[in-house]
PDB file of N, CA and C in Angstrom:
ATOM      1  N   ASP A   1       0.864 -15.367  -9.922  1.00  0.00           N
ATOM      2  CA  ASP A   1      -0.545 -15.544  -9.852  1.00  0.00           C
ATOM      3  C   ASP A   1      -1.212 -14.198  -9.647  1.00  0.00           C
ATOM      4  N   ASN A   2      -2.560 -14.218  -9.728  1.00  0.00           N
ATOM      5  CA  ASN A   2      -3.357 -12.958  -9.687  1.00  0.00           C
ATOM      6  C   ASN A   2      -3.231 -12.179  -8.373  1.00  0.00           C
ATOM      7  N   ASN A   3      -3.136 -12.769  -7.262  1.00  0.00           N
ATOM      8  CA  ASN A   3      -3.157 -12.082  -6.007  1.00  0.00           C
ATOM      9  C   ASN A   3      -1.854 -12.203  -5.270  1.00  0.00           C
ATOM     10  N   ASP A   4      -0.760 -12.225  -6.010  1.00  0.00           N
ATOM     11  CA  ASP A   4       0.581 -12.328  -5.326  1.00  0.00           C
ATOM     12  C   ASP A   4       1.065 -10.964  -4.830  1.00  0.00           C
ATOM     13  N   TYR A   5       0.418  -9.875  -5.236  1.00  0.00           N
ATOM     14  CA  TYR A   5       0.828  -8.519  -4.801  1.00  0.00           C
ATOM     15  C   TYR A   5      -0.335  -7.660  -4.476  1.00  0.00           C
ATOM     16  N   PHE A   6      -0.123  -6.725  -3.572  1.00  0.00           N
ATOM     17  CA  PHE A   6      -1.051  -5.632  -3.334  1.00  0.00           C
ATOM     18  C   PHE A   6      -0.552  -4.451  -4.147  1.00  0.00           C
ATOM     19  N   GLN A   7      -1.471  -3.987  -5.051  1.00  0.00           N
ATOM     20  CA  GLN A   7      -1.076  -2.868  -5.881  1.00  0.00           C
ATOM     21  C   GLN A   7      -2.360  -2.038  -6.126  1.00  0.00           C
ATOM     22  N   LEU A   8      -2.134  -0.841  -6.691  1.00  0.00           N
ATOM     23  CA  LEU A   8      -3.234   0.121  -6.907  1.00  0.00           C
ATOM     24  C   LEU A   8      -3.575   0.168  -8.390  1.00  0.00           C
ATOM     25  N   ILE A   9      -4.827   0.065  -8.647  1.00  0.00           N
ATOM     26  CA  ILE A   9      -5.340   0.355  -9.998  1.00  0.00           C
ATOM     27  C   ILE A   9      -5.892   1.763  -9.946  1.00  0.00           C
ATOM     28  N   HIS A  10      -5.347   2.648 -10.744  1.00  0.00           N
ATOM     29  CA  HIS A  10      -5.648   4.097 -10.578  1.00  0.00           C
ATOM     30  C   HIS A  10      -5.998   4.795 -11.863  1.00  0.00           C
ATOM     31  N   THR A  11      -6.712   5.877 -11.711  1.00  0.00           N
ATOM     32  CA  THR A  11      -7.035   6.721 -12.852  1.00  0.00           C
ATOM     33  C   THR A  11      -7.030   8.152 -12.381  1.00  0.00           C
ATOM     34  N   GLY A  12      -6.306   9.040 -13.011  1.00  0.00           N
ATOM     35  CA  GLY A  12      -6.322  10.437 -12.727  1.00  0.00           C
ATOM     36  C   GLY A  12      -5.568  10.878 -11.477  1.00  0.00           C
ATOM     37  N   ILE A  13      -4.794  10.000 -10.929  1.00  0.00           N
ATOM     38  CA  ILE A  13      -4.020  10.320  -9.712  1.00  0.00           C
ATOM     39  C   ILE A  13      -2.739  10.986 -10.059  1.00  0.00           C
ATOM     40  N   SER A  14      -2.368  12.062  -9.412  1.00  0.00           N
ATOM     41  CA  SER A  14      -1.117  12.754  -9.706  1.00  0.00           C
ATOM     42  C   SER A  14       0.066  11.940  -9.109  1.00  0.00           C
ATOM     43  N   SER A  15       1.043  11.585  -9.934  1.00  0.00           N
ATOM     44  CA  SER A  15       2.171  10.855  -9.388  1.00  0.00           C
ATOM     45  C   SER A  15       3.143  11.743  -8.601  1.00  0.00           C
ATOM     46  N   SER A  16       2.967  13.049  -8.702  1.00  0.00           N
ATOM     47  CA  SER A  16       3.894  13.941  -7.933  1.00  0.00           C
ATOM     48  C   SER A  16       3.583  13.946  -6.453  1.00  0.00           C
ATOM     49  N   ASN A  17       2.357  13.658  -6.048  1.00  0.00           N
ATOM     50  CA  ASN A  17       2.042  13.714  -4.620  1.00  0.00           C
ATOM     51  C   ASN A  17       1.347  12.428  -4.208  1.00  0.00           C
ATOM     52  N   PHE A  18       2.008  11.302  -4.486  1.00  0.00           N
ATOM     53  CA  PHE A  18       1.460  10.020  -4.174  1.00  0.00           C
ATOM     54  C   PHE A  18       2.299   9.337  -3.127  1.00  0.00           C
ATOM     55  N   LEU A  19       1.684   8.669  -2.143  1.00  0.00           N
ATOM     56  CA  LEU A  19       2.389   7.849  -1.183  1.00  0.00           C
ATOM     57  C   LEU A  19       1.479   6.779  -0.664  1.00  0.00           C
ATOM     58  N   VAL A  20       2.005   5.551  -0.550  1.00  0.00           N
ATOM     59  CA  VAL A  20       1.299   4.451   0.085  1.00  0.00           C
ATOM     60  C   VAL A  20       2.152   3.957   1.234  1.00  0.00           C
ATOM     61  N   GLU A  21       1.515   3.626   2.303  1.00  0.00           N
ATOM     62  CA  GLU A  21       2.175   3.074   3.484  1.00  0.00           C
ATOM     63  C   GLU A  21       1.383   1.843   3.967  1.00  0.00           C
ATOM     64  N   ILE A  22       2.095   0.809   4.465  1.00  0.00           N
ATOM     65  CA  ILE A  22       1.461  -0.360   5.002  1.00  0.00           C
ATOM     66  C   ILE A  22       2.035  -0.582   6.389  1.00  0.00           C
ATOM     67  N   TYR A  23       1.153  -0.874   7.313  1.00  0.00           N
ATOM     68  CA  TYR A  23       1.531  -1.046   8.730  1.00  0.00           C
ATOM     69  C   TYR A  23       1.081  -2.439   9.196  1.00  0.00           C
ATOM     70  N   ASN A  24       1.842  -3.043  10.113  1.00  0.00           N
ATOM     71  CA  ASN A  24       1.463  -4.283  10.743  1.00  0.00           C
ATOM     72  C   ASN A  24       0.510  -3.961  11.934  1.00  0.00           C
ATOM     73  N   ARG A  25       0.163  -5.005  12.616  1.00  0.00           N
ATOM     74  CA  ARG A  25      -0.842  -4.862  13.716  1.00  0.00           C
ATOM     75  C   ARG A  25      -0.253  -4.156  14.890  1.00  0.00           C
ATOM     76  N   TRP A  26       1.044  -3.992  15.009  1.00  0.00           N
ATOM     77  CA  TRP A  26       1.718  -3.222  16.077  1.00  0.00           C
ATOM     78  C   TRP A  26       2.000  -1.775  15.696  1.00  0.00           C
ATOM     79  N   GLY A  27       1.572  -1.390  14.494  1.00  0.00           N
ATOM     80  CA  GLY A  27       1.727  -0.014  14.049  1.00  0.00           C
ATOM     81  C   GLY A  27       3.091   0.281  13.456  1.00  0.00           C
ATOM     82  N   GLN A  28       3.828  -0.778  13.185  1.00  0.00           N
ATOM     83  CA  GLN A  28       5.141  -0.608  12.522  1.00  0.00           C
ATOM     84  C   GLN A  28       4.969  -0.478  11.008  1.00  0.00           C
ATOM     85  N   LYS A  29       5.562   0.585  10.453  1.00  0.00           N
ATOM     86  CA  LYS A  29       5.521   0.726   9.000  1.00  0.00           C
ATOM     87  C   LYS A  29       6.407  -0.270   8.343  1.00  0.00           C
ATOM     88  N   ILE A  30       5.861  -1.140   7.535  1.00  0.00           N
ATOM     89  CA  ILE A  30       6.662  -2.212   6.926  1.00  0.00           C
ATOM     90  C   ILE A  30       6.800  -2.001   5.420  1.00  0.00           C
ATOM     91  N   PHE A  31       6.085  -1.036   4.851  1.00  0.00           N
ATOM     92  CA  PHE A  31       6.215  -0.752   3.432  1.00  0.00           C
ATOM     93  C   PHE A  31       5.829   0.693   3.163  1.00  0.00           C
ATOM     94  N   ALA A  32       6.539   1.323   2.251  1.00  0.00           N
ATOM     95  CA  ALA A  32       6.207   2.670   1.808  1.00  0.00           C
ATOM     96  C   ALA A  32       6.725   2.849   0.423  1.00  0.00           C
ATOM     97  N   SER A  33       5.943   3.528  -0.387  1.00  0.00           N
ATOM     98  CA  SER A  33       6.359   3.814  -1.787  1.00  0.00           C
ATOM     99  C   SER A  33       5.663   5.065  -2.264  1.00  0.00           C
ATOM    100  N   SER A  34       6.398   5.847  -3.133  1.00  0.00           N
ATOM    101  CA  SER A  34       5.851   7.003  -3.809  1.00  0.00           C
ATOM    102  C   SER A  34       5.707   6.704  -5.305  1.00  0.00           C
ATOM    103  N   ASP A  35       5.849   5.423  -5.645  1.00  0.00           N
ATOM    104  CA  ASP A  35       5.733   4.993  -7.050  1.00  0.00           C
ATOM    105  C   ASP A  35       4.313   4.447  -7.295  1.00  0.00           C
ATOM    106  N   LEU A  36       3.595   5.092  -8.250  1.00  0.00           N
ATOM    107  CA  LEU A  36       2.242   4.614  -8.552  1.00  0.00           C
ATOM    108  C   LEU A  36       2.214   3.180  -9.009  1.00  0.00           C
ATOM    109  N   SER A  37       3.267   2.666  -9.467  1.00  0.00           N
ATOM    110  CA  SER A  37       3.315   1.281  -9.958  1.00  0.00           C
ATOM    111  C   SER A  37       3.823   0.287  -8.889  1.00  0.00           C
ATOM    112  N   PHE A  38       3.746   0.672  -7.613  1.00  0.00           N
ATOM    113  CA  PHE A  38       4.225  -0.166  -6.535  1.00  0.00           C
ATOM    114  C   PHE A  38       3.549  -1.532  -6.564  1.00  0.00           C
ATOM    115  N   LYS A  39       4.236  -2.508  -6.012  1.00  0.00           N
ATOM    116  CA  LYS A  39       3.654  -3.816  -5.772  1.00  0.00           C
ATOM    117  C   LYS A  39       4.212  -4.303  -4.420  1.00  0.00           C
ATOM    118  N   TRP A  40       3.335  -4.524  -3.409  1.00  0.00           N
ATOM    119  CA  TRP A  40       3.758  -5.102  -2.172  1.00  0.00           C
ATOM    120  C   TRP A  40       3.616  -6.576  -2.176  1.00  0.00           C
ATOM    121  N   ASP A  41       4.667  -7.309  -1.899  1.00  0.00           N
ATOM    122  CA  ASP A  41       4.690  -8.780  -2.022  1.00  0.00           C
ATOM    123  C   ASP A  41       4.493  -9.486  -0.672  1.00  0.00           C
ATOM    124  N   GLY A  42       4.094  -8.741   0.371  1.00  0.00           N
ATOM    125  CA  GLY A  42       3.926  -9.371   1.655  1.00  0.00           C
ATOM    126  C   GLY A  42       5.181  -9.567   2.445  1.00  0.00           C
ATOM    127  N   LYS A  43       6.263  -8.840   2.065  1.00  0.00           N
ATOM    128  CA  LYS A  43       7.523  -8.939   2.720  1.00  0.00           C
ATOM    129  C   LYS A  43       7.943  -7.646   3.387  1.00  0.00           C
ATOM    130  N   TYR A  44       8.736  -7.748   4.444  1.00  0.00           N
ATOM    131  CA  TYR A  44       9.378  -6.613   5.032  1.00  0.00           C
ATOM    132  C   TYR A  44      10.864  -6.940   5.175  1.00  0.00           C
ATOM    133  N   GLU A  45      11.694  -6.102   4.585  1.00  0.00           N
ATOM    134  CA  GLU A  45      13.151  -6.296   4.487  1.00  0.00           C
ATOM    135  C   GLU A  45      13.484  -7.677   4.014  1.00  0.00           C
ATOM    136  N   GLY A  46      12.714  -8.173   2.966  1.00  0.00           N
ATOM    137  CA  GLY A  46      12.962  -9.435   2.365  1.00  0.00           C
ATOM    138  C   GLY A  46      12.410 -10.673   3.110  1.00  0.00           C
ATOM    139  N   ILE A  47      11.737 -10.462   4.218  1.00  0.00           N
ATOM    140  CA  ILE A  47      11.165 -11.536   5.064  1.00  0.00           C
ATOM    141  C   ILE A  47       9.705 -11.621   4.918  1.00  0.00           C
ATOM    142  N   ASP A  48       9.124 -12.819   4.602  1.00  0.00           N
ATOM    143  CA  ASP A  48       7.718 -13.020   4.554  1.00  0.00           C
ATOM    144  C   ASP A  48       7.101 -12.603   5.897  1.00  0.00           C
ATOM    145  N   GLN A  49       6.053 -11.778   5.812  1.00  0.00           N
ATOM    146  CA  GLN A  49       5.339 -11.357   7.001  1.00  0.00           C
ATOM    147  C   GLN A  49       4.279 -12.363   7.397  1.00  0.00           C
ATOM    148  N   GLU A  50       3.878 -12.271   8.638  1.00  0.00           N
ATOM    149  CA  GLU A  50       2.852 -13.170   9.190  1.00  0.00           C
ATOM    150  C   GLU A  50       1.516 -13.072   8.467  1.00  0.00           C
ATOM    151  N   ILE A  51       0.833 -14.162   8.337  1.00  0.00           N
ATOM    152  CA  ILE A  51      -0.560 -14.137   7.873  1.00  0.00           C
ATOM    153  C   ILE A  51      -1.323 -13.281   8.817  1.00  0.00           C
ATOM    154  N   GLY A  52      -2.162 -12.367   8.272  1.00  0.00           N
ATOM    155  CA  GLY A  52      -2.957 -11.540   9.142  1.00  0.00           C
ATOM    156  C   GLY A  52      -3.443 -10.312   8.413  1.00  0.00           C
ATOM    157  N   VAL A  53      -3.878  -9.360   9.184  1.00  0.00           N
ATOM    158  CA  VAL A  53      -4.474  -8.127   8.662  1.00  0.00           C
ATOM    159  C   VAL A  53      -3.489  -7.000   8.791  1.00  0.00           C
ATOM    160  N   TYR A  54      -3.336  -6.235   7.674  1.00  0.00           N
ATOM    161  CA  TYR A  54      -2.450  -5.048   7.642  1.00  0.00           C
ATOM    162  C   TYR A  54      -3.207  -3.874   7.215  1.00  0.00           C
ATOM    163  N   VAL A  55      -2.814  -2.737   7.707  1.00  0.00           N
ATOM    164  CA  VAL A  55      -3.477  -1.424   7.388  1.00  0.00           C
ATOM    165  C   VAL A  55      -2.687  -0.707   6.314  1.00  0.00           C
ATOM    166  N   TYR A  56      -3.423  -0.164   5.329  1.00  0.00           N
ATOM    167  CA  TYR A  56      -2.766   0.663   4.332  1.00  0.00           C
ATOM    168  C   TYR A  56      -3.367   2.057   4.420  1.00  0.00           C
ATOM    169  N   ILE A  57      -2.510   3.021   4.090  1.00  0.00           N
ATOM    170  CA  ILE A  57      -2.919   4.411   3.963  1.00  0.00           C
ATOM    171  C   ILE A  57      -2.352   4.951   2.636  1.00  0.00           C
ATOM    172  N   ILE A  58      -3.221   5.512   1.825  1.00  0.00           N
ATOM    173  CA  ILE A  58      -2.796   6.047   0.550  1.00  0.00           C
ATOM    174  C   ILE A  58      -3.121   7.532   0.526  1.00  0.00           C
ATOM    175  N   TYR A  59      -2.077   8.315   0.170  1.00  0.00           N
ATOM    176  CA  TYR A  59      -2.191   9.775   0.089  1.00  0.00           C
ATOM    177  C   TYR A  59      -2.014  10.134  -1.395  1.00  0.00           C
ATOM    178  N   TYR A  60      -2.874  10.934  -1.980  1.00  0.00           N
ATOM    179  CA  TYR A  60      -2.717  11.291  -3.397  1.00  0.00           C
ATOM    180  C   TYR A  60      -3.525  12.546  -3.722  1.00  0.00           C
ATOM    181  N   ASP A  61      -3.208  13.097  -4.895  1.00  0.00           N
ATOM    182  CA  ASP A  61      -3.976  14.277  -5.416  1.00  0.00           C
ATOM    183  C   ASP A  61      -4.764  13.808  -6.599  1.00  0.00           C
ATOM    184  N   ILE A  62      -6.008  14.307  -6.682  1.00  0.00           N
ATOM    185  CA  ILE A  62      -6.809  14.096  -7.877  1.00  0.00           C
ATOM    186  C   ILE A  62      -7.610  15.342  -8.131  1.00  0.00           C
ATOM    187  N   ASN A  63      -7.531  15.844  -9.351  1.00  0.00           N
ATOM    188  CA  ASN A  63      -8.226  17.023  -9.732  1.00  0.00           C
ATOM    189  C   ASN A  63      -7.955  18.202  -8.783  1.00  0.00           C
ATOM    190  N   GLY A  64      -6.715  18.315  -8.317  1.00  0.00           N
ATOM    191  CA  GLY A  64      -6.276  19.398  -7.477  1.00  0.00           C
ATOM    192  C   GLY A  64      -6.631  19.257  -5.987  1.00  0.00           C
ATOM    193  N   SER A  65      -7.223  18.141  -5.618  1.00  0.00           N
ATOM    194  CA  SER A  65      -7.622  17.908  -4.195  1.00  0.00           C
ATOM    195  C   SER A  65      -6.742  16.848  -3.645  1.00  0.00           C
ATOM    196  N   SER A  66      -6.327  17.094  -2.376  1.00  0.00           N
ATOM    197  CA  SER A  66      -5.539  16.065  -1.657  1.00  0.00           C
ATOM    198  C   SER A  66      -6.519  15.056  -0.994  1.00  0.00           C
ATOM    199  N   ILE A  67      -6.244  13.825  -1.202  1.00  0.00           N
ATOM    200  CA  ILE A  67      -7.080  12.719  -0.688  1.00  0.00           C
ATOM    201  C   ILE A  67      -6.287  11.770   0.173  1.00  0.00           C
ATOM    202  N   VAL A  68      -6.910  11.236   1.223  1.00  0.00           N
ATOM    203  CA  VAL A  68      -6.318  10.185   2.027  1.00  0.00           C
ATOM    204  C   VAL A  68      -7.323   9.057   2.144  1.00  0.00           C
ATOM    205  N   LYS A  69      -6.886   7.880   1.778  1.00  0.00           N
ATOM    206  CA  LYS A  69      -7.736   6.690   1.871  1.00  0.00           C
ATOM    207  C   LYS A  69      -7.017   5.640   2.705  1.00  0.00           C
ATOM    208  N   SER A  70      -7.784   4.862   3.483  1.00  0.00           N
ATOM    209  CA  SER A  70      -7.165   3.778   4.282  1.00  0.00           C
ATOM    210  C   SER A  70      -8.102   2.598   4.253  1.00  0.00           C
ATOM    211  N   GLY A  71      -7.498   1.446   4.628  1.00  0.00           N
ATOM    212  CA  GLY A  71      -8.266   0.240   4.660  1.00  0.00           C
ATOM    213  C   GLY A  71      -7.402  -0.889   5.170  1.00  0.00           C
ATOM    214  N   THR A  72      -7.836  -2.064   4.990  1.00  0.00           N
ATOM    215  CA  THR A  72      -7.056  -3.225   5.476  1.00  0.00           C
ATOM    216  C   THR A  72      -6.800  -4.215   4.282  1.00  0.00           C
ATOM    217  N   ILE A  73      -5.739  -4.933   4.469  1.00  0.00           N
ATOM    218  CA  ILE A  73      -5.350  -6.018   3.534  1.00  0.00           C
ATOM    219  C   ILE A  73      -5.205  -7.288   4.387  1.00  0.00           C
ATOM    220  N   THR A  74      -5.781  -8.387   3.953  1.00  0.00           N
ATOM    221  CA  THR A  74      -5.603  -9.647   4.653  1.00  0.00           C
ATOM    222  C   THR A  74      -4.526 -10.432   3.850  1.00  0.00           C
ATOM    223  N   LEU A  75      -3.437 -10.669   4.508  1.00  0.00           N
ATOM    224  CA  LEU A  75      -2.324 -11.459   3.912  1.00  0.00           C
ATOM    225  C   LEU A  75      -2.502 -12.921   4.217  1.00  0.00           C
ATOM    226  N   VAL A  76      -2.625 -13.716   3.124  1.00  0.00           N
ATOM    227  CA  VAL A  76      -2.705 -15.160   3.231  1.00  0.00           C
ATOM    228  C   VAL A  76      -1.629 -15.746   2.359  1.00  0.00           C
ATOM    229  N   ARG A  77      -1.238 -17.003   2.623  1.00  0.00           N
ATOM    230  CA  ARG A  77      -0.228 -17.704   1.830  1.00  0.00           C
ATOM    231  C   ARG A  77      -0.754 -18.982   1.321  1.00  0.00           C
TER     232      ARG A  77
END
């Protein structure tokens, strides 16, 4: 379905300096990827995570500048 994954729609981002991290409400990193084509399916170590709010941090380069973006994802089932 359309919203089964959290993924990035990107333009002009350098894949050489890309990283996405997702944290649970206790600050535990439950997902990380340096692949621009990542898809997070709401699992950690193969286990469905609790419904709730998760924090993401994305690090990337665009036009020679290093950028850090963060926000939240609400996981529902």
